[in-house]
PDB file of all heavy atoms in Angstrom:
ATOM      1  N   ALA A   1     139.317  83.876-126.822  1.00  0.00           N
ATOM      2  CA  ALA A   1     140.586  84.294-126.127  1.00  0.00           C
ATOM      3  C   ALA A   1     140.323  85.509-125.270  1.00  0.00           C
ATOM      4  O   ALA A   1     140.772  85.588-124.084  1.00  0.00           O
ATOM      5  CB  ALA A   1     141.620  84.584-127.138  1.00  0.00           C
ATOM      6  N   LEU A   2     139.605  86.539-125.792  1.00  0.00           N
ATOM      7  CA  LEU A   2     139.320  87.710-125.007  1.00  0.00           C
ATOM      8  C   LEU A   2     138.436  87.367-123.815  1.00  0.00           C
ATOM      9  O   LEU A   2     138.573  87.967-122.721  1.00  0.00           O
ATOM     10  CB  LEU A   2     138.696  88.777-125.903  1.00  0.00           C
ATOM     11  CG  LEU A   2     139.557  89.329-127.034  1.00  0.00           C
ATOM     12  CD1 LEU A   2     138.784  90.265-127.920  1.00  0.00           C
ATOM     13  CD2 LEU A   2     140.804  89.934-126.513  1.00  0.00           C
ATOM     14  N   ARG A   3     137.531  86.432-124.046  1.00  0.00           N
ATOM     15  CA  ARG A   3     136.642  85.993-122.938  1.00  0.00           C
ATOM     16  C   ARG A   3     137.428  85.385-121.808  1.00  0.00           C
ATOM     17  O   ARG A   3     137.121  85.538-120.627  1.00  0.00           O
ATOM     18  CB  ARG A   3     135.641  84.983-123.475  1.00  0.00           C
ATOM     19  CG  ARG A   3     134.707  84.384-122.420  1.00  0.00           C
ATOM     20  CD  ARG A   3     133.765  85.375-121.848  1.00  0.00           C
ATOM     21  NE  ARG A   3     132.882  84.733-120.825  1.00  0.00           N
ATOM     22  CZ  ARG A   3     133.229  84.528-119.577  1.00  0.00           C
ATOM     23  NH1 ARG A   3     134.448  84.834-119.136  1.00  0.00           N
ATOM     24  NH2 ARG A   3     132.344  83.989-118.721  1.00  0.00           N
ATOM     25  N   TYR A   4     138.527  84.691-122.156  1.00  0.00           N
ATOM     26  CA  TYR A   4     139.425  84.081-121.182  1.00  0.00           C
ATOM     27  C   TYR A   4     140.542  85.053-120.715  1.00  0.00           C
ATOM     28  O   TYR A   4     141.479  84.650-120.038  1.00  0.00           O
ATOM     29  CB  TYR A   4     140.074  82.828-121.723  1.00  0.00           C
ATOM     30  CG  TYR A   4     139.152  81.645-121.902  1.00  0.00           C
ATOM     31  CD1 TYR A   4     139.368  80.698-122.896  1.00  0.00           C
ATOM     32  CD2 TYR A   4     137.961  81.524-121.156  1.00  0.00           C
ATOM     33  CE1 TYR A   4     138.509  79.595-123.098  1.00  0.00           C
ATOM     34  CE2 TYR A   4     137.108  80.481-121.332  1.00  0.00           C
ATOM     35  CZ  TYR A   4     137.399  79.518-122.333  1.00  0.00           C
ATOM     36  OH  TYR A   4     136.505  78.497-122.458  1.00  0.00           O
ATOM     37  N   LYS A   5     140.425  86.316-121.126  1.00  0.00           N
ATOM     38  CA  LYS A   5     141.373  87.360-120.769  1.00  0.00           C
ATOM     39  C   LYS A   5     142.781  87.053-121.279  1.00  0.00           C
ATOM     40  O   LYS A   5     143.824  87.331-120.637  1.00  0.00           O
ATOM     41  CB  LYS A   5     141.408  87.588-119.224  1.00  0.00           C
ATOM     42  CG  LYS A   5     140.069  87.989-118.698  1.00  0.00           C
ATOM     43  CD  LYS A   5     140.140  88.337-117.227  1.00  0.00           C
ATOM     44  CE  LYS A   5     138.811  88.635-116.631  1.00  0.00           C
ATOM     45  NZ  LYS A   5     138.040  89.627-117.379  1.00  0.00           N
ATOM     46  N   LEU A   6     142.857  86.495-122.502  1.00  0.00           N
ATOM     47  CA  LEU A   6     144.131  86.288-123.213  1.00  0.00           C
ATOM     48  C   LEU A   6     144.273  87.307-124.262  1.00  0.00           C
ATOM     49  O   LEU A   6     143.431  87.403-125.214  1.00  0.00           O
ATOM     50  CB  LEU A   6     144.156  84.838-123.875  1.00  0.00           C
ATOM     51  CG  LEU A   6     143.904  83.644-122.901  1.00  0.00           C
ATOM     52  CD1 LEU A   6     143.819  82.340-123.726  1.00  0.00           C
ATOM     53  CD2 LEU A   6     144.998  83.584-121.865  1.00  0.00           C
ATOM     54  N   PRO A   7     145.257  88.185-124.174  1.00  0.00           N
ATOM     55  CA  PRO A   7     145.390  89.264-125.158  1.00  0.00           C
ATOM     56  C   PRO A   7     145.655  88.750-126.546  1.00  0.00           C
ATOM     57  O   PRO A   7     146.448  87.802-126.767  1.00  0.00           O
ATOM     58  CB  PRO A   7     146.603  90.075-124.613  1.00  0.00           C
ATOM     59  CG  PRO A   7     147.372  89.099-123.774  1.00  0.00           C
ATOM     60  CD  PRO A   7     146.372  88.170-123.168  1.00  0.00           C
ATOM     61  N   VAL A   8     145.044  89.409-127.553  1.00  0.00           N
ATOM     62  CA  VAL A   8     145.265  89.034-128.924  1.00  0.00           C
ATOM     63  C   VAL A   8     145.934  90.246-129.645  1.00  0.00           C
ATOM     64  O   VAL A   8     145.382  91.324-129.671  1.00  0.00           O
ATOM     65  CB  VAL A   8     143.898  88.725-129.655  1.00  0.00           C
ATOM     66  CG1 VAL A   8     144.172  88.296-131.108  1.00  0.00           C
ATOM     67  CG2 VAL A   8     143.168  87.607-128.895  1.00  0.00           C
ATOM     68  N   ARG A   9     147.097  89.980-130.219  1.00  0.00           N
ATOM     69  CA  ARG A   9     147.878  91.069-130.765  1.00  0.00           C
ATOM     70  C   ARG A   9     147.333  91.519-132.130  1.00  0.00           C
ATOM     71  O   ARG A   9     147.254  92.685-132.393  1.00  0.00           O
ATOM     72  CB  ARG A   9     149.333  90.701-130.903  1.00  0.00           C
ATOM     73  CG  ARG A   9     150.259  91.917-131.192  1.00  0.00           C
ATOM     74  CD  ARG A   9     151.704  91.515-130.927  1.00  0.00           C
ATOM     75  NE  ARG A   9     152.180  90.600-131.941  1.00  0.00           N
ATOM     76  CZ  ARG A   9     152.816  90.978-133.033  1.00  0.00           C
ATOM     77  NH1 ARG A   9     152.976  92.300-133.315  1.00  0.00           N
ATOM     78  NH2 ARG A   9     153.204  90.116-133.934  1.00  0.00           N
ATOM     79  N   ARG A  10     146.984  90.566-132.939  1.00  0.00           N
ATOM     80  CA  ARG A  10     146.449  90.828-134.252  1.00  0.00           C
ATOM     81  C   ARG A  10     145.885  89.616-134.931  1.00  0.00           C
ATOM     82  O   ARG A  10     146.129  88.492-134.491  1.00  0.00           O
ATOM     83  CB  ARG A  10     147.494  91.492-135.123  1.00  0.00           C
ATOM     84  CG  ARG A  10     148.605  90.502-135.555  1.00  0.00           C
ATOM     85  CD  ARG A  10     149.629  91.084-136.502  1.00  0.00           C
ATOM     86  NE  ARG A  10     150.643  90.142-136.814  1.00  0.00           N
ATOM     87  CZ  ARG A  10     151.686  90.401-137.615  1.00  0.00           C
ATOM     88  NH1 ARG A  10     151.771  91.600-138.182  1.00  0.00           N
ATOM     89  NH2 ARG A  10     152.583  89.470-137.866  1.00  0.00           N
ATOM     90  N   ILE A  11     145.098  89.834-135.977  1.00  0.00           N
ATOM     91  CA  ILE A  11     144.682  88.777-136.888  1.00  0.00           C
ATOM     92  C   ILE A  11     145.265  89.096-138.255  1.00  0.00           C
ATOM     93  O   ILE A  11     145.173  90.263-138.729  1.00  0.00           O
ATOM     94  CB  ILE A  11     143.144  88.659-136.954  1.00  0.00           C
ATOM     95  CG1 ILE A  11     142.538  88.238-135.608  1.00  0.00           C
ATOM     96  CG2 ILE A  11     142.750  87.648-138.076  1.00  0.00           C
ATOM     97  CD1 ILE A  11     141.036  88.295-135.647  1.00  0.00           C
ATOM     98  N   GLN A  12     145.837  88.136-138.870  1.00  0.00           N
ATOM     99  CA  GLN A  12     146.394  88.395-140.249  1.00  0.00           C
ATOM    100  C   GLN A  12     145.843  87.381-141.248  1.00  0.00           C
ATOM    101  O   GLN A  12     145.882  86.138-140.995  1.00  0.00           O
ATOM    102  CB  GLN A  12     147.921  88.328-140.168  1.00  0.00           C
ATOM    103  CG  GLN A  12     148.596  88.713-141.503  1.00  0.00           C
ATOM    104  CD  GLN A  12     150.092  88.578-141.470  1.00  0.00           C
ATOM    105  OE1 GLN A  12     150.620  87.503-141.122  1.00  0.00           O
ATOM    106  NE2 GLN A  12     150.821  89.647-141.788  1.00  0.00           N
ATOM    107  N   LEU A  13     145.328  87.888-142.321  1.00  0.00           N
ATOM    108  CA  LEU A  13     144.922  87.019-143.447  1.00  0.00           C
ATOM    109  C   LEU A  13     146.071  86.952-144.425  1.00  0.00           C
ATOM    110  O   LEU A  13     146.588  87.981-144.869  1.00  0.00           O
ATOM    111  CB  LEU A  13     143.687  87.599-144.124  1.00  0.00           C
ATOM    112  CG  LEU A  13     142.443  87.748-143.267  1.00  0.00           C
ATOM    113  CD1 LEU A  13     141.280  88.315-144.064  1.00  0.00           C
ATOM    114  CD2 LEU A  13     142.001  86.372-142.625  1.00  0.00           C
ATOM    115  N   GLN A  14     146.448  85.731-144.770  1.00  0.00           N
ATOM    116  CA  GLN A  14     147.604  85.570-145.634  1.00  0.00           C
ATOM    117  C   GLN A  14     147.434  84.390-146.619  1.00  0.00           C
ATOM    118  O   GLN A  14     146.252  83.953-146.794  1.00  0.00           O
ATOM    119  CB  GLN A  14     148.865  85.361-144.762  1.00  0.00           C
ATOM    120  CG  GLN A  14     148.666  84.270-143.714  1.00  0.00           C
ATOM    121  CD  GLN A  14     149.856  84.130-142.750  1.00  0.00           C
ATOM    122  OE1 GLN A  14     150.332  83.041-142.538  1.00  0.00           O
ATOM    123  NE2 GLN A  14     150.232  85.216-142.191  1.00  0.00           N
ATOM    124  N   PHE A  15     148.536  83.891-147.205  1.00  0.00           N
ATOM    125  CA  PHE A  15     148.431  82.962-148.295  1.00  0.00           C
ATOM    126  C   PHE A  15     147.584  81.746-147.968  1.00  0.00           C
ATOM    127  O   PHE A  15     146.669  81.369-148.705  1.00  0.00           O
ATOM    128  CB  PHE A  15     149.814  82.580-148.718  1.00  0.00           C
ATOM    129  CG  PHE A  15     149.846  81.787-150.044  1.00  0.00           C
ATOM    130  CD1 PHE A  15     149.966  82.476-151.222  1.00  0.00           C
ATOM    131  CD2 PHE A  15     149.711  80.391-150.043  1.00  0.00           C
ATOM    132  CE1 PHE A  15     149.976  81.795-152.417  1.00  0.00           C
ATOM    133  CE2 PHE A  15     149.740  79.727-151.259  1.00  0.00           C
ATOM    134  CZ  PHE A  15     149.855  80.410-152.451  1.00  0.00           C
ATOM    135  N   PHE A  16     147.898  81.067-146.915  1.00  0.00           N
ATOM    136  CA  PHE A  16     147.228  79.783-146.605  1.00  0.00           C
ATOM    137  C   PHE A  16     146.177  79.978-145.497  1.00  0.00           C
ATOM    138  O   PHE A  16     146.008  79.027-144.701  1.00  0.00           O
ATOM    139  CB  PHE A  16     148.221  78.726-146.242  1.00  0.00           C
ATOM    140  CG  PHE A  16     148.684  77.926-147.480  1.00  0.00           C
ATOM    141  CD1 PHE A  16     149.931  78.185-148.008  1.00  0.00           C
ATOM    142  CD2 PHE A  16     147.884  76.998-147.979  1.00  0.00           C
ATOM    143  CE1 PHE A  16     150.353  77.436-149.117  1.00  0.00           C
ATOM    144  CE2 PHE A  16     148.268  76.265-149.133  1.00  0.00           C
ATOM    145  CZ  PHE A  16     149.526  76.512-149.734  1.00  0.00           C
ATOM    146  N   GLY A  17     145.541  81.034-145.399  1.00  0.00           N
ATOM    147  CA  GLY A  17     144.489  81.204-144.400  1.00  0.00           C
ATOM    148  C   GLY A  17     144.638  82.411-143.550  1.00  0.00           C
ATOM    149  O   GLY A  17     144.920  83.479-144.042  1.00  0.00           O
ATOM    150  N   GLY A  18     144.449  82.211-142.230  1.00  0.00           N
ATOM    151  CA  GLY A  18     144.522  83.328-141.312  1.00  0.00           C
ATOM    152  C   GLY A  18     145.332  82.915-140.031  1.00  0.00           C
ATOM    153  O   GLY A  18     145.499  81.782-139.728  1.00  0.00           O
ATOM    154  N   VAL A  19     145.842  83.919-139.401  1.00  0.00           N
ATOM    155  CA  VAL A  19     146.592  83.713-138.134  1.00  0.00           C
ATOM    156  C   VAL A  19     146.068  84.656-137.041  1.00  0.00           C
ATOM    157  O   VAL A  19     145.948  85.844-137.244  1.00  0.00           O
ATOM    158  CB  VAL A  19     148.104  84.075-138.370  1.00  0.00           C
ATOM    159  CG1 VAL A  19     148.864  83.954-137.076  1.00  0.00           C
ATOM    160  CG2 VAL A  19     148.708  83.132-139.392  1.00  0.00           C
ATOM    161  N   SER A  20     145.684  84.060-135.926  1.00  0.00           N
ATOM    162  CA  SER A  20     145.274  84.839-134.737  1.00  0.00           C
ATOM    163  C   SER A  20     146.400  84.707-133.740  1.00  0.00           C
ATOM    164  O   SER A  20     146.653  83.659-133.217  1.00  0.00           O
ATOM    165  CB  SER A  20     143.999  84.266-134.119  1.00  0.00           C
ATOM    166  OG  SER A  20     142.919  84.242-135.087  1.00  0.00           O
ATOM    167  N   GLU A  21     147.011  85.865-133.512  1.00  0.00           N
ATOM    168  CA  GLU A  21     148.198  85.848-132.637  1.00  0.00           C
ATOM    169  C   GLU A  21     147.716  86.128-131.169  1.00  0.00           C
ATOM    170  O   GLU A  21     147.611  87.259-130.793  1.00  0.00           O
ATOM    171  CB  GLU A  21     149.212  86.889-133.126  1.00  0.00           C
ATOM    172  CG  GLU A  21     149.812  86.543-134.503  1.00  0.00           C
ATOM    173  CD  GLU A  21     150.904  87.436-134.917  1.00  0.00           C
ATOM    174  OE1 GLU A  21     151.302  88.303-134.119  1.00  0.00           O
ATOM    175  OE2 GLU A  21     151.358  87.282-136.050  1.00  0.00           O
ATOM    176  N   ILE A  22     147.539  85.126-130.469  1.00  0.00           N
ATOM    177  CA  ILE A  22     147.120  85.172-129.039  1.00  0.00           C
ATOM    178  C   ILE A  22     148.404  85.085-128.197  1.00  0.00           C
ATOM    179  O   ILE A  22     149.195  84.180-128.357  1.00  0.00           O
ATOM    180  CB  ILE A  22     146.188  83.996-128.737  1.00  0.00           C
ATOM    181  CG1 ILE A  22     144.958  84.095-129.686  1.00  0.00           C
ATOM    182  CG2 ILE A  22     145.715  84.061-127.267  1.00  0.00           C
ATOM    183  CD1 ILE A  22     144.026  82.907-129.564  1.00  0.00           C
ATOM    184  N   GLU A  23     148.567  86.042-127.323  1.00  0.00           N
ATOM    185  CA  GLU A  23     149.840  86.219-126.739  1.00  0.00           C
ATOM    186  C   GLU A  23     150.152  85.493-125.464  1.00  0.00           C
ATOM    187  O   GLU A  23     151.172  85.579-124.887  1.00  0.00           O
ATOM    188  CB  GLU A  23     150.054  87.774-126.523  1.00  0.00           C
ATOM    189  CG  GLU A  23     150.110  88.545-127.789  1.00  0.00           C
ATOM    190  CD  GLU A  23     150.517  89.977-127.637  1.00  0.00           C
ATOM    191  OE1 GLU A  23     150.148  90.537-126.541  1.00  0.00           O
ATOM    192  OE2 GLU A  23     151.153  90.558-128.511  1.00  0.00           O
ATOM    193  N   LYS A  24     149.162  84.742-125.002  1.00  0.00           N
ATOM    194  CA  LYS A  24     149.378  83.940-123.793  1.00  0.00           C
ATOM    195  C   LYS A  24     148.755  82.589-123.938  1.00  0.00           C
ATOM    196  O   LYS A  24     147.870  82.393-124.713  1.00  0.00           O
ATOM    197  CB  LYS A  24     148.847  84.683-122.503  1.00  0.00           C
ATOM    198  CG  LYS A  24     149.602  85.886-122.114  1.00  0.00           C
ATOM    199  CD  LYS A  24     149.090  86.464-120.823  1.00  0.00           C
ATOM    200  CE  LYS A  24     149.904  87.642-120.393  1.00  0.00           C
ATOM    201  NZ  LYS A  24     149.428  88.219-119.058  1.00  0.00           N
ATOM    202  N   GLU A  25     149.240  81.650-123.102  1.00  0.00           N
ATOM    203  CA  GLU A  25     148.718  80.300-123.159  1.00  0.00           C
ATOM    204  C   GLU A  25     147.477  80.162-122.284  1.00  0.00           C
ATOM    205  O   GLU A  25     147.289  80.927-121.298  1.00  0.00           O
ATOM    206  CB  GLU A  25     149.741  79.344-122.599  1.00  0.00           C
ATOM    207  CG  GLU A  25     150.876  79.024-123.576  1.00  0.00           C
ATOM    208  CD  GLU A  25     150.316  78.191-124.731  1.00  0.00           C
ATOM    209  OE1 GLU A  25     149.728  77.095-124.549  1.00  0.00           O
ATOM    210  OE2 GLU A  25     150.465  78.658-125.917  1.00  0.00           O
ATOM    211  N   SER A  26     146.601  79.254-122.684  1.00  0.00           N
ATOM    212  CA  SER A  26     145.453  79.001-121.820  1.00  0.00           C
ATOM    213  C   SER A  26     145.898  78.400-120.481  1.00  0.00           C
ATOM    214  O   SER A  26     146.918  77.694-120.374  1.00  0.00           O
ATOM    215  CB  SER A  26     144.542  77.907-122.504  1.00  0.00           C
ATOM    216  OG  SER A  26     144.121  78.398-123.736  1.00  0.00           O
ATOM    217  N   GLU A  27     145.150  78.698-119.420  1.00  0.00           N
ATOM    218  CA  GLU A  27     145.568  78.299-118.089  1.00  0.00           C
ATOM    219  C   GLU A  27     145.192  76.855-117.758  1.00  0.00           C
ATOM    220  O   GLU A  27     145.731  76.235-116.895  1.00  0.00           O
ATOM    221  CB  GLU A  27     144.936  79.260-117.050  1.00  0.00           C
ATOM    222  CG  GLU A  27     145.394  80.695-117.136  1.00  0.00           C
ATOM    223  CD  GLU A  27     144.753  81.591-116.148  1.00  0.00           C
ATOM    224  OE1 GLU A  27     143.841  81.077-115.430  1.00  0.00           O
ATOM    225  OE2 GLU A  27     145.133  82.792-116.082  1.00  0.00           O
ATOM    226  N   THR A  28     144.165  76.311-118.498  1.00  0.00           N
ATOM    227  CA  THR A  28     143.720  74.964-118.218  1.00  0.00           C
ATOM    228  C   THR A  28     143.531  74.254-119.487  1.00  0.00           C
ATOM    229  O   THR A  28     143.331  74.839-120.557  1.00  0.00           O
ATOM    230  CB  THR A  28     142.387  74.985-117.437  1.00  0.00           C
ATOM    231  OG1 THR A  28     141.365  75.515-118.329  1.00  0.00           O
ATOM    232  CG2 THR A  28     142.471  75.834-116.159  1.00  0.00           C
ATOM    233  N   PRO A  29     143.593  72.889-119.494  1.00  0.00           N
ATOM    234  CA  PRO A  29     143.411  72.119-120.709  1.00  0.00           C
ATOM    235  C   PRO A  29     141.946  72.270-121.269  1.00  0.00           C
ATOM    236  O   PRO A  29     141.767  72.266-122.457  1.00  0.00           O
ATOM    237  CB  PRO A  29     143.614  70.681-120.293  1.00  0.00           C
ATOM    238  CG  PRO A  29     143.530  70.635-118.800  1.00  0.00           C
ATOM    239  CD  PRO A  29     143.987  72.036-118.366  1.00  0.00           C
ATOM    240  N   GLY A  30     141.010  72.490-120.363  1.00  0.00           N
ATOM    241  CA  GLY A  30     139.617  72.665-120.839  1.00  0.00           C
ATOM    242  C   GLY A  30     139.536  73.937-121.695  1.00  0.00           C
ATOM    243  O   GLY A  30     138.899  73.971-122.759  1.00  0.00           O
ATOM    244  N   ARG A  31     140.084  75.046-121.255  1.00  0.00           N
ATOM    245  CA  ARG A  31     140.084  76.272-122.009  1.00  0.00           C
ATOM    246  C   ARG A  31     140.858  76.158-123.329  1.00  0.00           C
ATOM    247  O   ARG A  31     140.505  76.690-124.320  1.00  0.00           O
ATOM    248  CB  ARG A  31     140.651  77.393-121.151  1.00  0.00           C
ATOM    249  CG  ARG A  31     139.745  77.836-120.006  1.00  0.00           C
ATOM    250  CD  ARG A  31     140.292  79.043-119.304  1.00  0.00           C
ATOM    251  NE  ARG A  31     139.363  79.533-118.310  1.00  0.00           N
ATOM    252  CZ  ARG A  31     139.465  80.681-117.659  1.00  0.00           C
ATOM    253  NH1 ARG A  31     140.484  81.488-117.903  1.00  0.00           N
ATOM    254  NH2 ARG A  31     138.542  81.041-116.752  1.00  0.00           N
ATOM    255  N   GLU A  32     141.975  75.436-123.226  1.00  0.00           N
ATOM    256  CA  GLU A  32     142.694  75.200-124.448  1.00  0.00           C
ATOM    257  C   GLU A  32     141.911  74.453-125.519  1.00  0.00           C
ATOM    258  O   GLU A  32     141.914  74.761-126.722  1.00  0.00           O
ATOM    259  CB  GLU A  32     143.990  74.340-124.163  1.00  0.00           C
ATOM    260  CG  GLU A  32     144.805  73.862-125.341  1.00  0.00           C
ATOM    261  CD  GLU A  32     145.715  74.904-125.890  1.00  0.00           C
ATOM    262  OE1 GLU A  32     145.621  76.098-125.480  1.00  0.00           O
ATOM    263  OE2 GLU A  32     146.586  74.541-126.708  1.00  0.00           O
ATOM    264  N   PHE A  33     141.145  73.441-125.083  1.00  0.00           N
ATOM    265  CA  PHE A  33     140.310  72.657-125.940  1.00  0.00           C
ATOM    266  C   PHE A  33     139.192  73.557-126.595  1.00  0.00           C
ATOM    267  O   PHE A  33     139.038  73.536-127.797  1.00  0.00           O
ATOM    268  CB  PHE A  33     139.670  71.470-125.216  1.00  0.00           C
ATOM    269  CG  PHE A  33     138.924  70.508-126.101  1.00  0.00           C
ATOM    270  CD1 PHE A  33     139.617  69.386-126.581  1.00  0.00           C
ATOM    271  CD2 PHE A  33     137.604  70.720-126.483  1.00  0.00           C
ATOM    272  CE1 PHE A  33     138.916  68.487-127.413  1.00  0.00           C
ATOM    273  CE2 PHE A  33     136.939  69.842-127.290  1.00  0.00           C
ATOM    274  CZ  PHE A  33     137.614  68.689-127.758  1.00  0.00           C
ATOM    275  N   VAL A  34     138.520  74.314-125.760  1.00  0.00           N
ATOM    276  CA  VAL A  34     137.478  75.171-126.258  1.00  0.00           C
ATOM    277  C   VAL A  34     138.004  76.206-127.217  1.00  0.00           C
ATOM    278  O   VAL A  34     137.455  76.499-128.290  1.00  0.00           O
ATOM    279  CB  VAL A  34     136.747  75.862-125.075  1.00  0.00           C
ATOM    280  CG1 VAL A  34     135.777  76.931-125.602  1.00  0.00           C
ATOM    281  CG2 VAL A  34     136.038  74.819-124.225  1.00  0.00           C
ATOM    282  N   LEU A  35     139.172  76.837-126.863  1.00  0.00           N
ATOM    283  CA  LEU A  35     139.748  77.863-127.745  1.00  0.00           C
ATOM    284  C   LEU A  35     140.138  77.327-129.098  1.00  0.00           C
ATOM    285  O   LEU A  35     139.979  78.011-130.088  1.00  0.00           O
ATOM    286  CB  LEU A  35     140.992  78.373-127.008  1.00  0.00           C
ATOM    287  CG  LEU A  35     141.719  79.555-127.650  1.00  0.00           C
ATOM    288  CD1 LEU A  35     140.768  80.740-127.878  1.00  0.00           C
ATOM    289  CD2 LEU A  35     142.897  79.957-126.800  1.00  0.00           C
TER     290      LEU A  35
END
């Protein structure tokens, strides 16, 4: 996400795993797939 210049607000470890809060959408389907 950072490589694609998408800001990440935080990572949270919780009951059922982890959450990466990426604050913007990928600009292309290719980037979405890789991400």
